[in-house]
Amino acid sequence: LRGRLERPEPRMALGRALASVAHAALDVSDGLAGDLG
C-alpha cells in the first residue's frame, strides 16, 4: 500500500480523454465525499 500514499500516479491520459465528453471533474486529494461536496 505504501506506494499508493507516497507515489500516486496522476491520471493524465484519462483526463485528456475525458476533456470532450465528461461534464464536471476534480481529483480526489482530500477524500471522495469531501471533494465530491
PDB file of all heavy atoms in Angstrom:
ATOM      1  N   LEU A   1       0.794  -1.229   0.000  1.00  0.00           N
ATOM      2  CA  LEU A   1       0.000   0.000   0.000  1.00  0.00           C
ATOM      3  C   LEU A   1       0.825   1.277   0.000  1.00  0.00           C
ATOM      4  O   LEU A   1       0.325   2.332  -0.400  1.00  0.00           O
ATOM      5  CB  LEU A   1      -0.908   0.017   1.241  1.00  0.00           C
ATOM      6  CG  LEU A   1      -2.004  -1.051   1.309  1.00  0.00           C
ATOM      7  CD1 LEU A   1      -2.639  -1.060   2.693  1.00  0.00           C
ATOM      8  CD2 LEU A   1      -3.058  -0.804   0.245  1.00  0.00           C
ATOM      9  N   ARG A   2       2.060   1.198   0.443  1.00  0.00           N
ATOM     10  CA  ARG A   2       2.838   2.427   0.660  1.00  0.00           C
ATOM     11  C   ARG A   2       3.004   3.245  -0.621  1.00  0.00           C
ATOM     12  O   ARG A   2       2.996   4.477  -0.588  1.00  0.00           O
ATOM     13  CB  ARG A   2       4.196   2.077   1.253  1.00  0.00           C
ATOM     14  CG  ARG A   2       4.954   3.285   1.762  1.00  0.00           C
ATOM     15  CD  ARG A   2       6.108   2.887   2.658  1.00  0.00           C
ATOM     16  NE  ARG A   2       6.736   4.046   3.259  1.00  0.00           N
ATOM     17  CZ  ARG A   2       7.603   3.989   4.252  1.00  0.00           C
ATOM     18  NH1 ARG A   2       7.941   2.799   4.756  1.00  0.00           N
ATOM     19  NH2 ARG A   2       8.139   5.091   4.755  1.00  0.00           N
ATOM     20  N   GLY A   3       3.133   2.568  -1.734  1.00  0.00           N
ATOM     21  CA  GLY A   3       3.274   3.278  -3.000  1.00  0.00           C
ATOM     22  C   GLY A   3       2.063   4.125  -3.337  1.00  0.00           C
ATOM     23  O   GLY A   3       2.190   5.172  -3.990  1.00  0.00           O
ATOM     24  N   ARG A   4       0.883   3.688  -2.900  1.00  0.00           N
ATOM     25  CA  ARG A   4      -0.333   4.463  -3.164  1.00  0.00           C
ATOM     26  C   ARG A   4      -0.314   5.783  -2.398  1.00  0.00           C
ATOM     27  O   ARG A   4      -0.897   6.774  -2.837  1.00  0.00           O
ATOM     28  CB  ARG A   4      -1.559   3.642  -2.791  1.00  0.00           C
ATOM     29  CG  ARG A   4      -1.815   2.462  -3.693  1.00  0.00           C
ATOM     30  CD  ARG A   4      -2.377   2.910  -5.039  1.00  0.00           C
ATOM     31  NE  ARG A   4      -3.778   3.286  -4.903  1.00  0.00           N
ATOM     32  CZ  ARG A   4      -4.372   4.249  -5.601  1.00  0.00           C
ATOM     33  NH1 ARG A   4      -3.677   4.976  -6.439  1.00  0.00           N
ATOM     34  NH2 ARG A   4      -5.657   4.500  -5.436  1.00  0.00           N
ATOM     35  N   LEU A   5       0.355   5.794  -1.252  1.00  0.00           N
ATOM     36  CA  LEU A   5       0.471   7.018  -0.463  1.00  0.00           C
ATOM     37  C   LEU A   5       1.603   7.901  -0.955  1.00  0.00           C
ATOM     38  O   LEU A   5       1.436   9.126  -1.097  1.00  0.00           O
ATOM     39  CB  LEU A   5       0.688   6.666   1.008  1.00  0.00           C
ATOM     40  CG  LEU A   5       0.958   7.834   1.959  1.00  0.00           C
ATOM     41  CD1 LEU A   5      -0.271   8.732   2.082  1.00  0.00           C
ATOM     42  CD2 LEU A   5       1.390   7.323   3.332  1.00  0.00           C
ATOM     43  N   GLU A   6       2.746   7.289  -1.224  1.00  0.00           N
ATOM     44  CA  GLU A   6       3.950   8.073  -1.495  1.00  0.00           C
ATOM     45  C   GLU A   6       4.254   8.270  -2.978  1.00  0.00           C
ATOM     46  O   GLU A   6       5.012   9.182  -3.328  1.00  0.00           O
ATOM     47  CB  GLU A   6       5.151   7.414  -0.813  1.00  0.00           C
ATOM     48  CG  GLU A   6       5.030   7.403   0.704  1.00  0.00           C
ATOM     49  CD  GLU A   6       6.218   6.767   1.405  1.00  0.00           C
ATOM     50  OE1 GLU A   6       6.995   6.055   0.719  1.00  0.00           O
ATOM     51  OE2 GLU A   6       6.370   6.976   2.615  1.00  0.00           O
ATOM     52  N   ARG A   7       3.673   7.450  -3.835  1.00  0.00           N
ATOM     53  CA  ARG A   7       3.930   7.574  -5.274  1.00  0.00           C
ATOM     54  C   ARG A   7       2.615   7.491  -6.077  1.00  0.00           C
ATOM     55  O   ARG A   7       2.435   6.590  -6.894  1.00  0.00           O
ATOM     56  CB  ARG A   7       4.901   6.490  -5.753  1.00  0.00           C
ATOM     57  CG  ARG A   7       6.329   6.655  -5.231  1.00  0.00           C
ATOM     58  CD  ARG A   7       7.214   5.549  -5.762  1.00  0.00           C
ATOM     59  NE  ARG A   7       8.601   5.692  -5.365  1.00  0.00           N
ATOM     60  CZ  ARG A   7       9.541   6.325  -6.073  1.00  0.00           C
ATOM     61  NH1 ARG A   7       9.216   6.879  -7.239  1.00  0.00           N
ATOM     62  NH2 ARG A   7      10.776   6.412  -5.643  1.00  0.00           N
ATOM     63  N   PRO A   8       1.706   8.415  -5.838  1.00  0.00           N
ATOM     64  CA  PRO A   8       0.447   8.382  -6.599  1.00  0.00           C
ATOM     65  C   PRO A   8       0.703   8.624  -8.085  1.00  0.00           C
ATOM     66  O   PRO A   8       1.645   9.336  -8.447  1.00  0.00           O
ATOM     67  CB  PRO A   8      -0.361   9.529  -5.982  1.00  0.00           C
ATOM     68  CG  PRO A   8       0.680  10.474  -5.462  1.00  0.00           C
ATOM     69  CD  PRO A   8       1.800   9.595  -4.963  1.00  0.00           C
ATOM     70  N   GLU A   9      -0.125   8.031  -8.929  1.00  0.00           N
ATOM     71  CA  GLU A   9       0.028   8.181 -10.379  1.00  0.00           C
ATOM     72  C   GLU A   9      -1.054   9.122 -10.907  1.00  0.00           C
ATOM     73  O   GLU A   9      -2.241   8.791 -10.866  1.00  0.00           O
ATOM     74  CB  GLU A   9      -0.069   6.821 -11.070  1.00  0.00           C
ATOM     75  CG  GLU A   9       1.087   5.887 -10.756  1.00  0.00           C
ATOM     76  CD  GLU A   9       2.437   6.447 -11.206  1.00  0.00           C
ATOM     77  OE1 GLU A   9       2.474   7.208 -12.198  1.00  0.00           O
ATOM     78  OE2 GLU A   9       3.449   6.127 -10.561  1.00  0.00           O
ATOM     79  N   PRO A  10      -0.675  10.295 -11.381  1.00  0.00           N
ATOM     80  CA  PRO A  10      -1.678  11.216 -11.925  1.00  0.00           C
ATOM     81  C   PRO A  10      -2.333  10.621 -13.168  1.00  0.00           C
ATOM     82  O   PRO A  10      -1.647  10.061 -14.028  1.00  0.00           O
ATOM     83  CB  PRO A  10      -0.865  12.473 -12.260  1.00  0.00           C
ATOM     84  CG  PRO A  10       0.540  11.979 -12.453  1.00  0.00           C
ATOM     85  CD  PRO A  10       0.702  10.827 -11.509  1.00  0.00           C
ATOM     86  N   ARG A  11      -3.637  10.764 -13.270  1.00  0.00           N
ATOM     87  CA  ARG A  11      -4.402  10.140 -14.365  1.00  0.00           C
ATOM     88  C   ARG A  11      -4.422  11.051 -15.595  1.00  0.00           C
ATOM     89  O   ARG A  11      -5.475  11.483 -16.077  1.00  0.00           O
ATOM     90  CB  ARG A  11      -5.822   9.833 -13.887  1.00  0.00           C
ATOM     91  CG  ARG A  11      -5.891   8.914 -12.672  1.00  0.00           C
ATOM     92  CD  ARG A  11      -5.304   7.546 -12.963  1.00  0.00           C
ATOM     93  NE  ARG A  11      -5.670   6.567 -11.934  1.00  0.00           N
ATOM     94  CZ  ARG A  11      -5.313   5.282 -11.966  1.00  0.00           C
ATOM     95  NH1 ARG A  11      -4.571   4.833 -12.955  1.00  0.00           N
ATOM     96  NH2 ARG A  11      -5.697   4.453 -10.992  1.00  0.00           N
ATOM     97  N   MET A  12      -3.227  11.328 -16.138  1.00  0.00           N
ATOM     98  CA  MET A  12      -3.100  12.298 -17.213  1.00  0.00           C
ATOM     99  C   MET A  12      -3.822  11.855 -18.488  1.00  0.00           C
ATOM    100  O   MET A  12      -4.557  12.633 -19.097  1.00  0.00           O
ATOM    101  CB  MET A  12      -1.621  12.553 -17.510  1.00  0.00           C
ATOM    102  CG  MET A  12      -0.806  13.029 -16.324  1.00  0.00           C
ATOM    103  SD  MET A  12      -1.478  14.540 -15.599  1.00  0.00           S
ATOM    104  CE  MET A  12      -1.308  15.672 -16.962  1.00  0.00           C
ATOM    105  N   ALA A  13      -3.597  10.635 -18.903  1.00  0.00           N
ATOM    106  CA  ALA A  13      -4.198  10.170 -20.153  1.00  0.00           C
ATOM    107  C   ALA A  13      -5.720  10.150 -20.055  1.00  0.00           C
ATOM    108  O   ALA A  13      -6.417  10.531 -20.995  1.00  0.00           O
ATOM    109  CB  ALA A  13      -3.660   8.786 -20.507  1.00  0.00           C
ATOM    110  N   LEU A  14      -6.245   9.716 -18.916  1.00  0.00           N
ATOM    111  CA  LEU A  14      -7.694   9.691 -18.752  1.00  0.00           C
ATOM    112  C   LEU A  14      -8.253  11.104 -18.763  1.00  0.00           C
ATOM    113  O   LEU A  14      -9.276  11.368 -19.406  1.00  0.00           O
ATOM    114  CB  LEU A  14      -8.065   8.996 -17.441  1.00  0.00           C
ATOM    115  CG  LEU A  14      -9.562   8.974 -17.116  1.00  0.00           C
ATOM    116  CD1 LEU A  14     -10.338   8.205 -18.178  1.00  0.00           C
ATOM    117  CD2 LEU A  14      -9.808   8.383 -15.728  1.00  0.00           C
ATOM    118  N   GLY A  15      -7.610  12.034 -18.057  1.00  0.00           N
ATOM    119  CA  GLY A  15      -8.106  13.406 -18.027  1.00  0.00           C
ATOM    120  C   GLY A  15      -8.232  14.001 -19.415  1.00  0.00           C
ATOM    121  O   GLY A  15      -9.247  14.624 -19.749  1.00  0.00           O
ATOM    122  N   ARG A  16      -7.226  13.803 -20.239  1.00  0.00           N
ATOM    123  CA  ARG A  16      -7.290  14.351 -21.597  1.00  0.00           C
ATOM    124  C   ARG A  16      -8.338  13.644 -22.440  1.00  0.00           C
ATOM    125  O   ARG A  16      -9.006  14.259 -23.267  1.00  0.00           O
ATOM    126  CB  ARG A  16      -5.916  14.257 -22.249  1.00  0.00           C
ATOM    127  CG  ARG A  16      -4.865  15.137 -21.568  1.00  0.00           C
ATOM    128  CD  ARG A  16      -3.563  15.147 -22.312  1.00  0.00           C
ATOM    129  NE  ARG A  16      -3.718  15.765 -23.628  1.00  0.00           N
ATOM    130  CZ  ARG A  16      -2.783  15.745 -24.574  1.00  0.00           C
ATOM    131  NH1 ARG A  16      -1.637  15.116 -24.349  1.00  0.00           N
ATOM    132  NH2 ARG A  16      -2.988  16.329 -25.732  1.00  0.00           N
ATOM    133  N   ALA A  17      -8.510  12.345 -22.209  1.00  0.00           N
ATOM    134  CA  ALA A  17      -9.523  11.602 -22.972  1.00  0.00           C
ATOM    135  C   ALA A  17     -10.931  12.026 -22.594  1.00  0.00           C
ATOM    136  O   ALA A  17     -11.861  11.919 -23.389  1.00  0.00           O
ATOM    137  CB  ALA A  17      -9.345  10.101 -22.741  1.00  0.00           C
ATOM    138  N   LEU A  18     -11.099  12.521 -21.358  1.00  0.00           N
ATOM    139  CA  LEU A  18     -12.421  12.942 -20.889  1.00  0.00           C
ATOM    140  C   LEU A  18     -12.774  14.367 -21.288  1.00  0.00           C
ATOM    141  O   LEU A  18     -13.936  14.779 -21.163  1.00  0.00           O
ATOM    142  CB  LEU A  18     -12.489  12.840 -19.366  1.00  0.00           C
ATOM    143  CG  LEU A  18     -12.408  11.446 -18.750  1.00  0.00           C
ATOM    144  CD1 LEU A  18     -12.338  11.551 -17.232  1.00  0.00           C
ATOM    145  CD2 LEU A  18     -13.602  10.592 -19.176  1.00  0.00           C
ATOM    146  N   ALA A  19     -11.797  15.136 -21.776  1.00  0.00           N
ATOM    147  CA  ALA A  19     -11.997  16.573 -21.985  1.00  0.00           C
ATOM    148  C   ALA A  19     -13.180  16.899 -22.875  1.00  0.00           C
ATOM    149  O   ALA A  19     -13.833  17.925 -22.690  1.00  0.00           O
ATOM    150  CB  ALA A  19     -10.720  17.202 -22.539  1.00  0.00           C
ATOM    151  N   SER A  20     -13.486  16.061 -23.825  1.00  0.00           N
ATOM    152  CA  SER A  20     -14.570  16.376 -24.758  1.00  0.00           C
ATOM    153  C   SER A  20     -15.865  15.626 -24.464  1.00  0.00           C
ATOM    154  O   SER A  20     -16.843  15.775 -25.198  1.00  0.00           O
ATOM    155  CB  SER A  20     -14.122  16.051 -26.189  1.00  0.00           C
ATOM    156  OG  SER A  20     -13.793  14.678 -26.302  1.00  0.00           O
ATOM    157  N   VAL A  21     -15.882  14.830 -23.354  1.00  0.00           N
ATOM    158  CA  VAL A  21     -17.074  14.025 -23.093  1.00  0.00           C
ATOM    159  C   VAL A  21     -17.627  14.193 -21.682  1.00  0.00           C
ATOM    160  O   VAL A  21     -18.850  14.200 -21.487  1.00  0.00           O
ATOM    161  CB  VAL A  21     -16.792  12.522 -23.386  1.00  0.00           C
ATOM    162  CG1 VAL A  21     -15.689  11.995 -22.508  1.00  0.00           C
ATOM    163  CG2 VAL A  21     -18.045  11.690 -23.228  1.00  0.00           C
ATOM    164  N   ALA A  22     -16.768  14.345 -20.663  1.00  0.00           N
ATOM    165  CA  ALA A  22     -17.242  14.482 -19.286  1.00  0.00           C
ATOM    166  C   ALA A  22     -17.768  15.893 -19.043  1.00  0.00           C
ATOM    167  O   ALA A  22     -17.485  16.823 -19.800  1.00  0.00           O
ATOM    168  CB  ALA A  22     -16.125  14.163 -18.299  1.00  0.00           C
ATOM    169  N   HIS A  23     -18.548  16.057 -17.992  1.00  0.00           N
ATOM    170  CA  HIS A  23     -19.092  17.363 -17.625  1.00  0.00           C
ATOM    171  C   HIS A  23     -18.236  18.018 -16.543  1.00  0.00           C
ATOM    172  O   HIS A  23     -17.483  18.936 -16.794  1.00  0.00           O
ATOM    173  CB  HIS A  23     -20.540  17.219 -17.157  1.00  0.00           C
ATOM    174  CG  HIS A  23     -21.486  16.885 -18.263  1.00  0.00           C
ATOM    175  ND1 HIS A  23     -22.753  16.363 -18.057  1.00  0.00           N
ATOM    176  CD2 HIS A  23     -21.359  16.995 -19.611  1.00  0.00           C
ATOM    177  CE1 HIS A  23     -23.362  16.174 -19.215  1.00  0.00           C
ATOM    178  NE2 HIS A  23     -22.536  16.538 -20.176  1.00  0.00           N
ATOM    179  N   ALA A  24     -18.353  17.563 -15.310  1.00  0.00           N
ATOM    180  CA  ALA A  24     -17.586  18.114 -14.188  1.00  0.00           C
ATOM    181  C   ALA A  24     -16.540  17.099 -13.749  1.00  0.00           C
ATOM    182  O   ALA A  24     -16.714  15.887 -13.924  1.00  0.00           O
ATOM    183  CB  ALA A  24     -18.519  18.443 -13.026  1.00  0.00           C
ATOM    184  N   ALA A  25     -15.449  17.589 -13.154  1.00  0.00           N
ATOM    185  CA  ALA A  25     -14.408  16.682 -12.662  1.00  0.00           C
ATOM    186  C   ALA A  25     -13.556  17.388 -11.620  1.00  0.00           C
ATOM    187  O   ALA A  25     -13.492  18.621 -11.574  1.00  0.00           O
ATOM    188  CB  ALA A  25     -13.526  16.185 -13.809  1.00  0.00           C
ATOM    189  N   LEU A  26     -12.907  16.589 -10.788  1.00  0.00           N
ATOM    190  CA  LEU A  26     -11.839  17.042  -9.897  1.00  0.00           C
ATOM    191  C   LEU A  26     -11.008  15.835  -9.517  1.00  0.00           C
ATOM    192  O   LEU A  26     -11.381  14.696  -9.780  1.00  0.00           O
ATOM    193  CB  LEU A  26     -12.380  17.767  -8.657  1.00  0.00           C
ATOM    194  CG  LEU A  26     -13.488  17.177  -7.788  1.00  0.00           C
ATOM    195  CD1 LEU A  26     -13.098  15.878  -7.107  1.00  0.00           C
ATOM    196  CD2 LEU A  26     -13.913  18.180  -6.724  1.00  0.00           C
ATOM    197  N   ASP A  27      -9.846  16.091  -8.908  1.00  0.00           N
ATOM    198  CA  ASP A  27      -9.056  14.973  -8.412  1.00  0.00           C
ATOM    199  C   ASP A  27      -9.331  14.802  -6.924  1.00  0.00           C
ATOM    200  O   ASP A  27      -9.539  15.764  -6.197  1.00  0.00           O
ATOM    201  CB  ASP A  27      -7.571  15.145  -8.719  1.00  0.00           C
ATOM    202  CG  ASP A  27      -6.887  16.203  -7.876  1.00  0.00           C
ATOM    203  OD1 ASP A  27      -7.561  17.184  -7.498  1.00  0.00           O
ATOM    204  OD2 ASP A  27      -5.689  16.062  -7.602  1.00  0.00           O
ATOM    205  N   VAL A  28      -9.351  13.558  -6.492  1.00  0.00           N
ATOM    206  CA  VAL A  28      -9.666  13.227  -5.104  1.00  0.00           C
ATOM    207  C   VAL A  28      -8.372  13.297  -4.300  1.00  0.00           C
ATOM    208  O   VAL A  28      -7.562  12.372  -4.312  1.00  0.00           O
ATOM    209  CB  VAL A  28     -10.304  11.834  -4.987  1.00  0.00           C
ATOM    210  CG1 VAL A  28     -10.604  11.506  -3.533  1.00  0.00           C
ATOM    211  CG2 VAL A  28     -11.574  11.759  -5.820  1.00  0.00           C
ATOM    212  N   SER A  29      -8.175  14.412  -3.607  1.00  0.00           N
ATOM    213  CA  SER A  29      -6.973  14.591  -2.799  1.00  0.00           C
ATOM    214  C   SER A  29      -7.279  14.598  -1.308  1.00  0.00           C
ATOM    215  O   SER A  29      -6.451  14.200  -0.497  1.00  0.00           O
ATOM    216  CB  SER A  29      -6.267  15.897  -3.183  1.00  0.00           C
ATOM    217  OG  SER A  29      -7.133  17.003  -3.051  1.00  0.00           O
ATOM    218  N   ASP A  30      -8.463  15.045  -0.929  1.00  0.00           N
ATOM    219  CA  ASP A  30      -8.812  15.202   0.490  1.00  0.00           C
ATOM    220  C   ASP A  30      -9.964  14.305   0.922  1.00  0.00           C
ATOM    221  O   ASP A  30     -10.573  14.542   1.964  1.00  0.00           O
ATOM    222  CB  ASP A  30      -9.174  16.663   0.775  1.00  0.00           C
ATOM    223  CG  ASP A  30      -8.004  17.596   0.564  1.00  0.00           C
ATOM    224  OD1 ASP A  30      -6.855  17.170   0.809  1.00  0.00           O
ATOM    225  OD2 ASP A  30      -8.207  18.740   0.142  1.00  0.00           O
ATOM    226  N   GLY A  31     -10.294  13.301   0.136  1.00  0.00           N
ATOM    227  CA  GLY A  31     -11.388  12.395   0.480  1.00  0.00           C
ATOM    228  C   GLY A  31     -12.505  12.473  -0.537  1.00  0.00           C
ATOM    229  O   GLY A  31     -12.921  13.561  -0.943  1.00  0.00           O
ATOM    230  N   LEU A  32     -13.016  11.305  -0.954  1.00  0.00           N
ATOM    231  CA  LEU A  32     -14.036  11.244  -2.005  1.00  0.00           C
ATOM    232  C   LEU A  32     -15.265  12.071  -1.649  1.00  0.00           C
ATOM    233  O   LEU A  32     -15.743  12.876  -2.449  1.00  0.00           O
ATOM    234  CB  LEU A  32     -14.415   9.785  -2.270  1.00  0.00           C
ATOM    235  CG  LEU A  32     -15.282   9.446  -3.481  1.00  0.00           C
ATOM    236  CD1 LEU A  32     -15.116   7.980  -3.842  1.00  0.00           C
ATOM    237  CD2 LEU A  32     -16.759   9.737  -3.266  1.00  0.00           C
ATOM    238  N   ALA A  33     -15.807  11.864  -0.446  1.00  0.00           N
ATOM    239  CA  ALA A  33     -17.039  12.564  -0.067  1.00  0.00           C
ATOM    240  C   ALA A  33     -16.805  14.064   0.038  1.00  0.00           C
ATOM    241  O   ALA A  33     -17.617  14.872  -0.450  1.00  0.00           O
ATOM    242  CB  ALA A  33     -17.583  12.009   1.248  1.00  0.00           C
ATOM    243  N   GLY A  34     -15.709  14.453   0.675  1.00  0.00           N
ATOM    244  CA  GLY A  34     -15.431  15.872   0.827  1.00  0.00           C
ATOM    245  C   GLY A  34     -15.192  16.556  -0.500  1.00  0.00           C
ATOM    246  O   GLY A  34     -15.695  17.661  -0.743  1.00  0.00           O
ATOM    247  N   ASP A  35     -14.436  15.923  -1.381  1.00  0.00           N
ATOM    248  CA  ASP A  35     -14.165  16.533  -2.684  1.00  0.00           C
ATOM    249  C   ASP A  35     -15.411  16.537  -3.565  1.00  0.00           C
ATOM    250  O   ASP A  35     -15.650  17.490  -4.302  1.00  0.00           O
ATOM    251  CB  ASP A  35     -13.017  15.801  -3.375  1.00  0.00           C
ATOM    252  CG  ASP A  35     -11.668  16.142  -2.757  1.00  0.00           C
ATOM    253  OD1 ASP A  35     -11.513  17.284  -2.286  1.00  0.00           O
ATOM    254  OD2 ASP A  35     -10.773  15.282  -2.736  1.00  0.00           O
ATOM    255  N   LEU A  36     -16.222  15.481  -3.491  1.00  0.00           N
ATOM    256  CA  LEU A  36     -17.485  15.485  -4.223  1.00  0.00           C
ATOM    257  C   LEU A  36     -18.360  16.644  -3.761  1.00  0.00           C
ATOM    258  O   LEU A  36     -19.082  17.251  -4.574  1.00  0.00           O
ATOM    259  CB  LEU A  36     -18.215  14.156  -4.029  1.00  0.00           C
ATOM    260  CG  LEU A  36     -19.604  14.036  -4.671  1.00  0.00           C
ATOM    261  CD1 LEU A  36     -19.565  14.340  -6.167  1.00  0.00           C
ATOM    262  CD2 LEU A  36     -20.180  12.642  -4.425  1.00  0.00           C
ATOM    263  N   GLY A  37     -18.283  16.974  -2.483  1.00  0.00           N
ATOM    264  CA  GLY A  37     -19.047  18.120  -1.981  1.00  0.00           C
ATOM    265  C   GLY A  37     -18.723  19.404  -2.712  1.00  0.00           C
ATOM    266  O   GLY A  37     -19.593  20.272  -2.870  1.00  0.00           O
TER     267      GLY A  37
END
